[in-house]
Amino acid sequence: MNGPYNLPRDSQSAAPLRHYQRIYQGLDPLEIARRCSLEFDGGASAFKLRVLGTEHLAPYPVFSLVDPEGEAAADPFEKILFLRYLCEGKFFPPQGKRLSYNEFPWGEVYYPNFEGRCLRRFASVFGNNIPGFVKMAEHSPGLNAVPLGIGDASYRLEFINGLYVSIILWRADDEFPPSAQILFDDNFVFAFTAEDLAAVGEILTDRLKILAQRAAGERRPL
């Protein structure tokens, strides 16, 4: 997520992280758990947050995102996204509709940004290696991706607890480059803003790249 004037990521993220950390530590963890439909482990003083099928702990009152190996997420914008959800988001069960980005409030305004940062990037990473994408989706433990039978490859999978995305890929042909679409279950409207969804798309790409690397038995990033 490149911000204004190409500032380093840490420079862009420091103030928002401090802001949402202050809000977070002033909230009642049980209220957060109810609002976001999350389990709060009182003994560990942490929320249980499932990210693309992998269980993480989000400690309270000082937020971090810790994976099963005890490693804390390093990307500051990933931390900001999940902090914002815990501070402001709400969980409601989905009603069965899938929304494109421009169907969200302000989505039409921000769509060019989302298209470049998320859809084109996802297509550039996976569109020329659809067999690798399929292998990742079907063989990554815990991901539980469900095939949709749309495009050249498509799956519905859980982004975080109860919030599902659908990813569709089309391979390149003689006239067009590879392309991608990301659809969001309708309960995303209550969880994230249109601006947040660009971060969701980037996190999807980054984390699925790592899973694809593991599925392929590679040691280096794609």
C-alpha atoms as a PDB file:
ATOM      1  CA  MET A   1       0.000   0.000   0.000  1.00  0.00           C
ATOM      2  CA  ASN A   2       2.003   2.949  -1.226  1.00  0.00           C
ATOM      3  CA  GLY A   3       0.942   6.205   0.388  1.00  0.00           C
ATOM      4  CA  PRO A   4       1.472   9.842  -0.560  1.00  0.00           C
ATOM      5  CA  TYR A   5       4.919  11.023  -1.625  1.00  0.00           C
ATOM      6  CA  ASN A   6       6.213   7.421  -1.534  1.00  0.00           C
ATOM      7  CA  LEU A   7       6.929   7.645   2.188  1.00  0.00           C
ATOM      8  CA  PRO A   8       8.326   4.496   3.806  1.00  0.00           C
ATOM      9  CA  ARG A   9       5.608   2.155   5.033  1.00  0.00           C
ATOM     10  CA  ASP A  10       6.594   2.699   8.666  1.00  0.00           C
ATOM     11  CA  SER A  11       6.257   6.461   8.243  1.00  0.00           C
ATOM     12  CA  GLN A  12       2.807   6.093   6.726  1.00  0.00           C
ATOM     13  CA  SER A  13       1.583   3.682   9.376  1.00  0.00           C
ATOM     14  CA  ALA A  14       2.987   4.995  12.664  1.00  0.00           C
ATOM     15  CA  ALA A  15       0.314   7.595  13.381  1.00  0.00           C
ATOM     16  CA  PRO A  16      -2.686   5.406  12.414  1.00  0.00           C
ATOM     17  CA  LEU A  17      -1.316   2.521  14.470  1.00  0.00           C
ATOM     18  CA  ARG A  18      -0.975   4.760  17.528  1.00  0.00           C
ATOM     19  CA  HIS A  19      -4.456   6.190  16.973  1.00  0.00           C
ATOM     20  CA  TYR A  20      -6.237   2.842  16.740  1.00  0.00           C
ATOM     21  CA  GLN A  21      -4.124   1.327  19.504  1.00  0.00           C
ATOM     22  CA  ARG A  22      -5.368   4.077  21.848  1.00  0.00           C
ATOM     23  CA  ILE A  23      -8.963   3.376  20.856  1.00  0.00           C
ATOM     24  CA  TYR A  24      -8.470  -0.392  21.180  1.00  0.00           C
ATOM     25  CA  GLN A  25      -7.053  -0.323  24.677  1.00  0.00           C
ATOM     26  CA  GLY A  26      -9.927   1.885  25.838  1.00  0.00           C
ATOM     27  CA  LEU A  27     -12.603  -0.580  24.700  1.00  0.00           C
ATOM     28  CA  ASP A  28     -14.189  -3.397  26.674  1.00  0.00           C
ATOM     29  CA  PRO A  29     -12.858  -6.666  25.214  1.00  0.00           C
ATOM     30  CA  LEU A  30     -16.157  -8.423  25.843  1.00  0.00           C
ATOM     31  CA  GLU A  31     -17.956  -5.717  23.854  1.00  0.00           C
ATOM     32  CA  ILE A  32     -15.490  -6.244  20.991  1.00  0.00           C
ATOM     33  CA  ALA A  33     -16.063  -9.999  21.168  1.00  0.00           C
ATOM     34  CA  ARG A  34     -19.850  -9.571  20.980  1.00  0.00           C
ATOM     35  CA  ARG A  35     -19.748  -6.968  18.208  1.00  0.00           C
ATOM     36  CA  CYS A  36     -17.335  -8.923  16.012  1.00  0.00           C
ATOM     37  CA  SER A  37     -18.575 -12.407  17.026  1.00  0.00           C
ATOM     38  CA  LEU A  38     -15.104 -13.437  18.184  1.00  0.00           C
ATOM     39  CA  GLU A  39     -13.936 -15.664  21.008  1.00  0.00           C
ATOM     40  CA  PHE A  40     -11.993 -13.831  23.708  1.00  0.00           C
ATOM     41  CA  ASP A  41      -9.616 -15.989  25.735  1.00  0.00           C
ATOM     42  CA  GLY A  42      -9.584 -14.338  29.144  1.00  0.00           C
ATOM     43  CA  GLY A  43      -6.664 -16.418  30.372  1.00  0.00           C
ATOM     44  CA  ALA A  44      -4.458 -15.371  27.458  1.00  0.00           C
ATOM     45  CA  SER A  45      -6.158 -11.948  27.255  1.00  0.00           C
ATOM     46  CA  ALA A  46      -6.419 -12.306  23.486  1.00  0.00           C
ATOM     47  CA  PHE A  47      -8.992 -12.598  20.730  1.00  0.00           C
ATOM     48  CA  LYS A  48      -8.946 -15.640  18.484  1.00  0.00           C
ATOM     49  CA  LEU A  49      -8.797 -14.388  14.931  1.00  0.00           C
ATOM     50  CA  ARG A  50      -8.756 -16.800  11.996  1.00  0.00           C
ATOM     51  CA  VAL A  51      -6.993 -15.368   8.932  1.00  0.00           C
ATOM     52  CA  LEU A  52      -7.303 -17.421   5.736  1.00  0.00           C
ATOM     53  CA  GLY A  53      -7.758 -20.575   7.734  1.00  0.00           C
ATOM     54  CA  THR A  54      -4.898 -20.030  10.186  1.00  0.00           C
ATOM     55  CA  GLU A  55      -5.697 -19.308  13.817  1.00  0.00           C
ATOM     56  CA  HIS A  56      -4.038 -16.204  15.265  1.00  0.00           C
ATOM     57  CA  LEU A  57      -4.132 -14.533  18.648  1.00  0.00           C
ATOM     58  CA  ALA A  58      -4.760 -10.789  18.893  1.00  0.00           C
ATOM     59  CA  PRO A  59      -3.674  -9.746  22.415  1.00  0.00           C
ATOM     60  CA  TYR A  60      -5.517  -7.121  24.432  1.00  0.00           C
ATOM     61  CA  PRO A  61      -4.892  -4.346  25.455  1.00  0.00           C
ATOM     62  CA  VAL A  62      -1.715  -4.043  23.321  1.00  0.00           C
ATOM     63  CA  PHE A  63      -2.593  -5.302  19.854  1.00  0.00           C
ATOM     64  CA  SER A  64      -0.496  -7.592  17.717  1.00  0.00           C
ATOM     65  CA  LEU A  65      -1.354 -10.491  15.430  1.00  0.00           C
ATOM     66  CA  VAL A  66       0.430 -13.688  16.457  1.00  0.00           C
ATOM     67  CA  ASP A  67       0.413 -16.871  14.383  1.00  0.00           C
ATOM     68  CA  PRO A  68       0.575 -20.454  15.743  1.00  0.00           C
ATOM     69  CA  GLU A  69       4.388 -20.373  15.673  1.00  0.00           C
ATOM     70  CA  GLY A  70       4.391 -17.302  17.881  1.00  0.00           C
ATOM     71  CA  GLU A  71       5.440 -14.977  15.054  1.00  0.00           C
ATOM     72  CA  ALA A  72       3.850 -11.528  15.050  1.00  0.00           C
ATOM     73  CA  ALA A  73       2.642 -10.047  11.759  1.00  0.00           C
ATOM     74  CA  ALA A  74       5.191  -7.547  10.487  1.00  0.00           C
ATOM     75  CA  ASP A  75       3.161  -5.603   7.936  1.00  0.00           C
ATOM     76  CA  PRO A  76       1.907  -2.428   9.668  1.00  0.00           C
ATOM     77  CA  PHE A  77      -0.996  -1.978   7.278  1.00  0.00           C
ATOM     78  CA  GLU A  78      -2.206  -5.490   7.998  1.00  0.00           C
ATOM     79  CA  LYS A  79      -2.176  -4.636  11.698  1.00  0.00           C
ATOM     80  CA  ILE A  80      -4.072  -1.392  11.038  1.00  0.00           C
ATOM     81  CA  LEU A  81      -6.770  -3.237   9.078  1.00  0.00           C
ATOM     82  CA  PHE A  82      -7.452  -5.767  11.826  1.00  0.00           C
ATOM     83  CA  LEU A  83      -7.239  -3.107  14.530  1.00  0.00           C
ATOM     84  CA  ARG A  84      -9.842  -1.049  12.667  1.00  0.00           C
ATOM     85  CA  TYR A  85     -12.101  -4.077  12.481  1.00  0.00           C
ATOM     86  CA  LEU A  86     -11.822  -4.716  16.211  1.00  0.00           C
ATOM     87  CA  CYS A  87     -12.383  -1.042  17.006  1.00  0.00           C
ATOM     88  CA  GLU A  88     -15.164  -0.195  14.546  1.00  0.00           C
ATOM     89  CA  GLY A  89     -16.376  -3.240  12.623  1.00  0.00           C
ATOM     90  CA  LYS A  90     -19.474  -5.337  13.196  1.00  0.00           C
ATOM     91  CA  PHE A  91     -20.238  -8.918  12.285  1.00  0.00           C
ATOM     92  CA  PHE A  92     -23.610  -9.983  10.912  1.00  0.00           C
ATOM     93  CA  PRO A  93     -24.315 -13.304   9.198  1.00  0.00           C
ATOM     94  CA  PRO A  94     -24.245 -13.044   5.382  1.00  0.00           C
ATOM     95  CA  GLN A  95     -27.538 -12.957   3.526  1.00  0.00           C
ATOM     96  CA  GLY A  96     -26.372 -14.800   0.420  1.00  0.00           C
ATOM     97  CA  LYS A  97     -25.380 -11.958  -1.893  1.00  0.00           C
ATOM     98  CA  ARG A  98     -21.891 -11.345  -3.255  1.00  0.00           C
ATOM     99  CA  LEU A  99     -20.873  -7.772  -3.908  1.00  0.00           C
ATOM    100  CA  SER A 100     -18.322  -6.338  -6.287  1.00  0.00           C
ATOM    101  CA  TYR A 101     -16.165  -3.524  -4.983  1.00  0.00           C
ATOM    102  CA  ASN A 102     -18.099  -0.758  -6.712  1.00  0.00           C
ATOM    103  CA  GLU A 103     -21.322  -1.875  -5.010  1.00  0.00           C
ATOM    104  CA  PHE A 104     -19.974  -0.719  -1.636  1.00  0.00           C
ATOM    105  CA  PRO A 105     -20.524   2.854  -0.438  1.00  0.00           C
ATOM    106  CA  TRP A 106     -17.863   5.007  -2.163  1.00  0.00           C
ATOM    107  CA  GLY A 107     -16.742   1.969  -4.113  1.00  0.00           C
ATOM    108  CA  GLU A 108     -17.280   3.642  -7.493  1.00  0.00           C
ATOM    109  CA  VAL A 109     -15.092   6.550  -6.375  1.00  0.00           C
ATOM    110  CA  TYR A 110     -12.214   4.366  -5.212  1.00  0.00           C
ATOM    111  CA  TYR A 111     -12.581   1.625  -7.818  1.00  0.00           C
ATOM    112  CA  PRO A 112      -9.592   2.660 -10.002  1.00  0.00           C
ATOM    113  CA  ASN A 113      -7.363   2.374  -6.934  1.00  0.00           C
ATOM    114  CA  PHE A 114      -8.806  -1.033  -6.022  1.00  0.00           C
ATOM    115  CA  GLU A 115      -8.514  -2.247  -9.594  1.00  0.00           C
ATOM    116  CA  GLY A 116      -4.818  -1.419  -9.768  1.00  0.00           C
ATOM    117  CA  ARG A 117      -3.768  -2.425  -6.253  1.00  0.00           C
ATOM    118  CA  CYS A 118      -5.834  -5.582  -6.039  1.00  0.00           C
ATOM    119  CA  LEU A 119      -7.408  -6.943  -9.214  1.00  0.00           C
ATOM    120  CA  ARG A 120      -4.575  -6.288 -11.647  1.00  0.00           C
ATOM    121  CA  ARG A 121      -1.964  -7.309  -9.121  1.00  0.00           C
ATOM    122  CA  PHE A 122      -3.801 -10.526  -8.259  1.00  0.00           C
ATOM    123  CA  ALA A 123      -4.117 -11.316 -11.964  1.00  0.00           C
ATOM    124  CA  SER A 124      -0.414 -10.647 -12.539  1.00  0.00           C
ATOM    125  CA  VAL A 125       0.557 -12.975  -9.674  1.00  0.00           C
ATOM    126  CA  PHE A 126      -1.784 -15.879 -10.410  1.00  0.00           C
ATOM    127  CA  GLY A 127      -3.290 -15.398 -13.881  1.00  0.00           C
ATOM    128  CA  ASN A 128      -0.342 -16.967 -15.688  1.00  0.00           C
ATOM    129  CA  ASN A 129      -0.104 -19.842 -13.215  1.00  0.00           C
ATOM    130  CA  ILE A 130      -3.663 -21.023 -12.759  1.00  0.00           C
ATOM    131  CA  PRO A 131      -2.595 -24.627 -11.996  1.00  0.00           C
ATOM    132  CA  GLY A 132      -0.489 -23.231  -9.132  1.00  0.00           C
ATOM    133  CA  PHE A 133      -3.449 -21.207  -7.884  1.00  0.00           C
ATOM    134  CA  VAL A 134      -5.690 -24.290  -7.989  1.00  0.00           C
ATOM    135  CA  LYS A 135      -3.092 -26.405  -6.170  1.00  0.00           C
ATOM    136  CA  MET A 136      -2.765 -23.742  -3.473  1.00  0.00           C
ATOM    137  CA  ALA A 137      -6.540 -23.455  -3.051  1.00  0.00           C
ATOM    138  CA  GLU A 138      -7.139 -27.190  -2.848  1.00  0.00           C
ATOM    139  CA  HIS A 139      -4.134 -28.284  -0.808  1.00  0.00           C
ATOM    140  CA  SER A 140      -3.504 -25.513   1.737  1.00  0.00           C
ATOM    141  CA  PRO A 141      -4.406 -26.877   5.196  1.00  0.00           C
ATOM    142  CA  GLY A 142      -7.246 -25.009   6.828  1.00  0.00           C
ATOM    143  CA  LEU A 143      -8.059 -22.797   3.847  1.00  0.00           C
ATOM    144  CA  ASN A 144     -11.172 -24.838   2.997  1.00  0.00           C
ATOM    145  CA  ALA A 145     -11.600 -23.132  -0.373  1.00  0.00           C
ATOM    146  CA  VAL A 146     -14.800 -24.109  -2.181  1.00  0.00           C
ATOM    147  CA  PRO A 147     -14.678 -24.207  -6.019  1.00  0.00           C
ATOM    148  CA  LEU A 148     -17.284 -22.076  -7.762  1.00  0.00           C
ATOM    149  CA  GLY A 149     -17.011 -23.232 -11.384  1.00  0.00           C
ATOM    150  CA  ILE A 150     -16.715 -19.682 -12.743  1.00  0.00           C
ATOM    151  CA  GLY A 151     -14.028 -18.423 -15.122  1.00  0.00           C
ATOM    152  CA  ASP A 152     -10.863 -20.490 -15.500  1.00  0.00           C
ATOM    153  CA  ALA A 153     -10.514 -20.951 -11.730  1.00  0.00           C
ATOM    154  CA  SER A 154     -12.622 -19.657  -8.864  1.00  0.00           C
ATOM    155  CA  TYR A 155     -12.973 -20.307  -5.148  1.00  0.00           C
ATOM    156  CA  ARG A 156     -14.876 -18.988  -2.156  1.00  0.00           C
ATOM    157  CA  LEU A 157     -12.817 -18.832   1.014  1.00  0.00           C
ATOM    158  CA  GLU A 158     -12.886 -17.281   4.462  1.00  0.00           C
ATOM    159  CA  PHE A 159     -10.862 -14.090   4.846  1.00  0.00           C
ATOM    160  CA  ILE A 160     -11.405 -13.798   8.591  1.00  0.00           C
ATOM    161  CA  ASN A 161     -13.983 -15.281  10.955  1.00  0.00           C
ATOM    162  CA  GLY A 162     -17.274 -15.521   9.063  1.00  0.00           C
ATOM    163  CA  LEU A 163     -16.270 -13.039   6.323  1.00  0.00           C
ATOM    164  CA  TYR A 164     -15.889 -14.762   2.957  1.00  0.00           C
ATOM    165  CA  VAL A 165     -14.516 -13.650  -0.394  1.00  0.00           C
ATOM    166  CA  SER A 166     -14.905 -15.198  -3.833  1.00  0.00           C
ATOM    167  CA  ILE A 167     -11.930 -15.017  -6.209  1.00  0.00           C
ATOM    168  CA  ILE A 168     -12.294 -15.552  -9.960  1.00  0.00           C
ATOM    169  CA  LEU A 169      -9.405 -15.845 -12.427  1.00  0.00           C
ATOM    170  CA  TRP A 170      -9.349 -15.779 -16.220  1.00  0.00           C
ATOM    171  CA  ARG A 171      -6.220 -16.776 -18.110  1.00  0.00           C
ATOM    172  CA  ALA A 172      -4.772 -14.643 -20.882  1.00  0.00           C
ATOM    173  CA  ASP A 173      -5.786 -15.196 -24.496  1.00  0.00           C
ATOM    174  CA  ASP A 174      -4.661 -13.748 -27.824  1.00  0.00           C
ATOM    175  CA  GLU A 175      -6.449 -10.451 -27.154  1.00  0.00           C
ATOM    176  CA  PHE A 176      -6.513  -9.899 -23.399  1.00  0.00           C
ATOM    177  CA  PRO A 177      -4.114 -10.279 -20.462  1.00  0.00           C
ATOM    178  CA  PRO A 178      -5.100 -12.400 -17.453  1.00  0.00           C
ATOM    179  CA  SER A 179      -7.773 -10.840 -15.259  1.00  0.00           C
ATOM    180  CA  ALA A 180      -9.257 -11.328 -11.816  1.00  0.00           C
ATOM    181  CA  GLN A 181     -12.353 -10.443  -9.827  1.00  0.00           C
ATOM    182  CA  ILE A 182     -12.803 -10.382  -6.065  1.00  0.00           C
ATOM    183  CA  LEU A 183     -16.352 -10.505  -4.701  1.00  0.00           C
ATOM    184  CA  PHE A 184     -17.243  -9.953  -1.059  1.00  0.00           C
ATOM    185  CA  ASP A 185     -20.047 -11.562   0.898  1.00  0.00           C
ATOM    186  CA  ASP A 186     -22.650  -8.933   1.755  1.00  0.00           C
ATOM    187  CA  ASN A 187     -21.746  -8.838   5.465  1.00  0.00           C
ATOM    188  CA  PHE A 188     -18.470  -7.099   4.564  1.00  0.00           C
ATOM    189  CA  VAL A 189     -20.546  -3.904   4.376  1.00  0.00           C
ATOM    190  CA  PHE A 190     -20.755  -3.865   8.181  1.00  0.00           C
ATOM    191  CA  ALA A 191     -17.155  -4.917   8.770  1.00  0.00           C
ATOM    192  CA  PHE A 192     -15.038  -2.728   6.472  1.00  0.00           C
ATOM    193  CA  THR A 193     -15.162   0.484   4.462  1.00  0.00           C
ATOM    194  CA  ALA A 194     -14.389   0.681   0.754  1.00  0.00           C
ATOM    195  CA  GLU A 195     -10.942   2.030   1.607  1.00  0.00           C
ATOM    196  CA  ASP A 196     -10.364  -0.938   3.927  1.00  0.00           C
ATOM    197  CA  LEU A 197     -11.268  -3.379   1.168  1.00  0.00           C
ATOM    198  CA  ALA A 198      -8.202  -2.349  -0.813  1.00  0.00           C
ATOM    199  CA  ALA A 199      -6.149  -3.546   2.151  1.00  0.00           C
ATOM    200  CA  VAL A 200      -8.195  -6.762   2.221  1.00  0.00           C
ATOM    201  CA  GLY A 201      -7.335  -7.344  -1.441  1.00  0.00           C
ATOM    202  CA  GLU A 202      -3.644  -6.743  -0.863  1.00  0.00           C
ATOM    203  CA  ILE A 203      -3.533  -9.027   2.166  1.00  0.00           C
ATOM    204  CA  LEU A 204      -5.298 -11.732   0.145  1.00  0.00           C
ATOM    205  CA  THR A 205      -2.673 -11.477  -2.581  1.00  0.00           C
ATOM    206  CA  ASP A 206       0.281 -11.418  -0.196  1.00  0.00           C
ATOM    207  CA  ARG A 207      -0.882 -14.289   2.002  1.00  0.00           C
ATOM    208  CA  LEU A 208      -2.067 -16.480  -0.883  1.00  0.00           C
ATOM    209  CA  LYS A 209       1.306 -15.964  -2.594  1.00  0.00           C
ATOM    210  CA  ILE A 210       2.948 -17.461   0.484  1.00  0.00           C
ATOM    211  CA  LEU A 211       0.495 -20.376   0.525  1.00  0.00           C
ATOM    212  CA  ALA A 212       1.097 -20.990  -3.192  1.00  0.00           C
ATOM    213  CA  GLN A 213       4.835 -20.976  -2.583  1.00  0.00           C
ATOM    214  CA  ARG A 214       4.403 -23.583   0.153  1.00  0.00           C
ATOM    215  CA  ALA A 215       2.071 -25.707  -1.975  1.00  0.00           C
ATOM    216  CA  ALA A 216       4.640 -25.676  -4.771  1.00  0.00           C
ATOM    217  CA  GLY A 217       7.432 -26.601  -2.369  1.00  0.00           C
ATOM    218  CA  GLU A 218       9.338 -23.424  -3.135  1.00  0.00           C
ATOM    219  CA  ARG A 219      11.582 -21.671  -0.638  1.00  0.00           C
ATOM    220  CA  ARG A 220      11.590 -18.242  -2.206  1.00  0.00           C
ATOM    221  CA  PRO A 221       8.675 -15.822  -2.816  1.00  0.00           C
ATOM    222  CA  LEU A 222       6.818 -16.061  -6.106  1.00  0.00           C
END
